[in-house]
Structure formats: C-alpha cells, structure tokens
Amino acid sequence: MSLRIAVALSAIIGTGLLTVAPAEARPDMVGFRGDYSPGTIVIKTNERRLYLVLDQGHAVRYPVGVGKAGKQWAGTTRIDGKYTNPAWSPPAEVKRDKPSMPNVIPGGSPRNPMGVAAMTLAGGEYAIHGTNMPGSVGGFVSYGCIRMLNADITDLYRRVSVGTTVVVSR
C-alpha cells in the first residue's frame, strides 16, 4: 500500500500558509514523560493521542484518529513532506475496498480525506493529516494514517518541519 498525495496546491505552495485561522487551534499543554528530544512527535495509538515534545516533562497533546484493526503500525520515521490543501489519490488497498471511489479527490473538496494539510512520513505509506470528518478523530478509523482535526493539523504544521522525528507506539 502506498499513500499517493498529488500535490495540487494553489499559489500558497511552499509558503506554509493555511486557510484555517490560528485562533481555531486548541493545543493542550500537558506533562509528558519519556526519553524523547524536544520537537519529536510521539503518537500513542492505544491512547489515540499525538504528543509534540516541548522539553523534558512537557508536550502539546492532540486527539487523533488512528489505524483500524489490522491497519495499525509502530516504529520510528520522519516527516518527509508538508502540503497544504493536497489532492488525494486513494491507495490500491482503499480502491479495492471501495471501488467506486474516484482516482483523485481534489484539494479543498469536502470529500477529500486529507483536510487542510498533510505531512507525509518517510517511506510514502502514511501521513499525519487533517480531516473533513471531525467525528472520526479519537477512533480507530484509518488505513494507518494519523487523522487530526483541521485546526489541530494547522497548529502542528506550523510547529514542525520536514525531518521531524515521528515515533508511533501501540
């Protein structure tokens, strides 16, 4: 399975600007334990939470949707791309399960599962992305991607860069 994100961006390519107002983001600062460097993203699948480590003892916490049964994974990777309003092409596994799905869903479409932004993970299979289905955040819902509220992906997108370490644990 591979996540193919067709980058169909408007004039904001490369600027890092998103269309969601920063006031919509609701970062939750929390105590956090673990041997992670500041700037590391830690995703705890069983909690359905993503943590951005600020320092030893503190992190920003976001609720996330994670892989459904049989679609979860664990490991360490890095962000290898950042995209605003990306178009999305369903991977072969999704097309097999949902053959009537279009081959490409344009960026900005309410049917696009990427929401307002996506950050691809090294290896090309998965991404951390927004969603146009906010009720799915907090559940076991994806084919392995990490799904965030659009306001939350906007906040995280502004805080991290390509090369950021991402640790996924169950």
Protein backbone atom coordinates (compact mmCIF):
# COMPACT_ATOMS: atom_id res chain seq x y z
CA MET A 1 0.00 0.00 0.00
CA SER A 2 1.29 3.46 -0.76
CA LEU A 3 -0.14 6.82 0.02
CA ARG A 4 -0.02 8.93 -3.10
CA ILE A 5 -0.65 12.54 -2.41
CA ALA A 6 -0.94 14.53 -5.58
CA VAL A 7 0.20 17.95 -4.65
CA ALA A 8 -2.48 20.18 -6.09
CA LEU A 9 -1.72 23.38 -4.32
CA SER A 10 -2.74 26.88 -5.18
CA ALA A 11 -0.44 29.88 -5.09
CA ILE A 12 0.46 29.09 -1.49
CA ILE A 13 2.90 26.31 -2.44
CA GLY A 14 5.91 26.45 -0.22
CA THR A 15 4.70 29.34 1.88
CA GLY A 16 3.39 27.19 4.70
CA LEU A 17 0.24 29.31 4.86
CA LEU A 18 -3.01 27.53 5.65
CA THR A 19 -6.58 28.72 5.34
CA VAL A 20 -7.62 27.89 8.92
CA ALA A 21 -7.35 30.78 11.36
CA PRO A 22 -4.79 30.14 14.13
CA ALA A 23 -7.40 31.07 16.76
CA GLU A 24 -9.21 27.81 15.95
CA ALA A 25 -6.32 25.66 17.19
CA ARG A 26 -6.69 24.33 20.73
CA PRO A 27 -3.34 22.97 21.79
CA ASP A 28 -3.43 21.16 25.12
CA MET A 29 -0.18 21.59 27.11
CA VAL A 30 0.39 18.55 29.34
CA GLY A 31 3.01 16.88 31.49
CA PHE A 32 4.87 14.24 29.49
CA ARG A 33 7.40 11.56 30.41
CA GLY A 34 9.71 9.80 28.05
CA ASP A 35 13.22 9.90 26.67
CA TYR A 36 12.48 12.00 23.58
CA SER A 37 14.23 15.08 22.23
CA PRO A 38 12.27 18.34 22.07
CA GLY A 39 10.49 18.61 18.73
CA THR A 40 9.79 14.87 18.47
CA ILE A 41 6.25 13.79 17.61
CA VAL A 42 5.11 10.80 19.68
CA ILE A 43 1.88 9.04 18.68
CA LYS A 44 0.38 6.67 21.23
CA THR A 45 -2.04 4.59 19.19
CA ASN A 46 -3.75 2.98 22.19
CA GLU A 47 -4.49 6.45 23.64
CA ARG A 48 -5.40 7.91 20.25
CA ARG A 49 -3.22 10.91 21.10
CA LEU A 50 -0.34 12.68 19.38
CA TYR A 51 2.25 14.49 21.52
CA LEU A 52 4.70 17.13 20.34
CA VAL A 53 7.52 17.07 22.89
CA LEU A 54 8.41 20.58 24.07
CA ASP A 55 11.04 19.69 26.68
CA GLN A 56 11.73 17.04 29.31
CA GLY A 57 8.39 16.88 31.09
CA HIS A 58 6.09 18.86 28.76
CA ALA A 59 4.29 18.31 25.46
CA VAL A 60 1.44 19.61 23.36
CA ARG A 61 -1.27 16.93 23.13
CA TYR A 62 -3.78 16.46 20.31
CA PRO A 63 -6.55 13.87 19.84
CA VAL A 64 -6.10 11.74 16.71
CA GLY A 65 -7.78 9.01 14.71
CA VAL A 66 -5.52 6.02 14.10
CA GLY A 67 -5.43 2.78 12.13
CA LYS A 68 -8.35 0.42 12.49
CA ALA A 69 -7.84 -3.21 13.49
CA GLY A 70 -5.21 -4.80 11.25
CA LYS A 71 -4.07 -1.42 9.89
CA GLN A 72 -2.03 -0.18 12.86
CA TRP A 73 1.73 0.05 12.79
CA ALA A 74 4.53 1.09 15.12
CA GLY A 75 8.01 2.43 14.56
CA THR A 76 10.15 5.49 14.07
CA THR A 77 10.12 7.60 10.92
CA ARG A 78 10.45 11.24 9.85
CA ILE A 79 8.26 13.81 8.16
CA ASP A 80 9.40 13.89 4.54
CA GLY A 81 6.91 16.35 3.05
CA LYS A 82 4.45 19.08 4.06
CA TYR A 83 1.46 20.02 1.90
CA THR A 84 -1.45 22.41 2.25
CA ASN A 85 -4.81 21.52 0.70
CA PRO A 86 -3.38 18.43 -1.01
CA ALA A 87 -5.28 16.43 -3.58
CA TRP A 88 -5.54 12.74 -2.66
CA SER A 89 -5.33 9.54 -4.67
CA PRO A 90 -6.59 6.50 -2.77
CA PRO A 91 -4.02 3.72 -2.34
CA ALA A 92 -4.72 0.37 -4.02
CA GLU A 93 -5.97 -1.16 -0.76
CA VAL A 94 -8.58 1.59 -0.35
CA LYS A 95 -9.65 1.29 -4.01
CA ARG A 96 -10.00 -2.47 -3.55
CA ASP A 97 -12.31 -1.93 -0.55
CA LYS A 98 -14.17 0.99 -2.15
CA PRO A 99 -14.01 0.52 -5.95
CA SER A 100 -16.40 3.40 -6.69
CA MET A 101 -14.03 5.92 -5.12
CA PRO A 102 -12.60 8.40 -7.65
CA ASN A 103 -8.95 8.10 -8.62
CA VAL A 104 -8.22 11.64 -7.39
CA ILE A 105 -10.10 13.85 -4.95
CA PRO A 106 -9.09 17.49 -5.43
CA GLY A 107 -7.61 19.52 -2.58
CA GLY A 108 -10.22 21.66 -0.89
CA SER A 109 -13.05 19.25 -1.71
CA PRO A 110 -15.28 18.38 1.27
CA ARG A 111 -14.85 14.72 0.20
CA ASN A 112 -11.04 14.90 0.46
CA PRO A 113 -9.88 12.87 3.49
CA MET A 114 -6.66 14.91 3.84
CA GLY A 115 -8.38 18.02 5.19
CA VAL A 116 -6.43 21.30 5.10
CA ALA A 117 -2.91 19.84 5.37
CA ALA A 118 -0.88 16.66 5.26
CA MET A 119 2.62 15.75 6.37
CA THR A 120 3.88 12.63 4.66
CA LEU A 121 6.01 10.17 6.55
CA ALA A 122 9.22 8.68 5.15
CA GLY A 123 8.51 5.55 3.17
CA GLY A 124 5.48 7.07 1.47
CA GLU A 125 2.84 4.82 3.03
CA TYR A 126 1.31 7.08 5.64
CA ALA A 127 0.69 10.68 6.60
CA ILE A 128 -0.38 12.83 9.51
CA HIS A 129 -3.25 14.85 8.07
CA GLY A 130 -6.39 16.82 8.74
CA THR A 131 -9.89 15.55 8.10
CA ASN A 132 -13.22 16.79 6.86
CA MET A 133 -14.89 14.24 9.14
CA PRO A 134 -14.15 15.59 12.63
CA GLY A 135 -16.28 12.91 14.30
CA SER A 136 -13.70 10.31 13.24
CA VAL A 137 -10.94 11.86 15.38
CA GLY A 138 -10.47 9.80 18.52
CA GLY A 139 -11.32 6.50 16.87
CA PHE A 140 -9.68 3.52 15.17
CA VAL A 141 -10.67 4.67 11.70
CA SER A 142 -7.90 4.80 9.11
CA TYR A 143 -5.80 2.55 6.91
CA GLY A 144 -2.77 3.56 9.00
CA CYS A 145 -2.66 7.34 8.66
CA ILE A 146 -2.90 9.65 11.65
CA ARG A 147 -6.01 11.83 11.37
CA MET A 148 -6.32 15.20 13.14
CA LEU A 149 -8.88 17.95 13.40
CA ASN A 150 -8.16 20.61 10.77
CA ALA A 151 -7.44 23.26 13.43
CA ASP A 152 -5.01 20.87 15.14
CA ILE A 153 -3.12 19.87 11.99
CA THR A 154 -2.82 23.58 11.20
CA ASP A 155 -1.26 24.20 14.62
CA LEU A 156 1.09 21.19 14.40
CA TYR A 157 2.03 22.02 10.78
CA ARG A 158 3.30 25.42 11.91
CA ARG A 159 5.33 23.92 14.78
CA VAL A 160 7.29 21.21 12.91
CA SER A 161 9.43 20.91 9.81
CA VAL A 162 10.46 18.33 7.25
CA GLY A 163 12.86 15.96 9.02
CA THR A 164 10.96 15.95 12.34
CA THR A 165 11.21 12.55 14.05
CA VAL A 166 7.89 10.70 14.50
CA VAL A 167 7.61 7.78 16.94
CA VAL A 168 4.48 5.63 16.76
CA SER A 169 3.80 3.19 19.59
CA ARG A 170 0.84 0.98 20.37
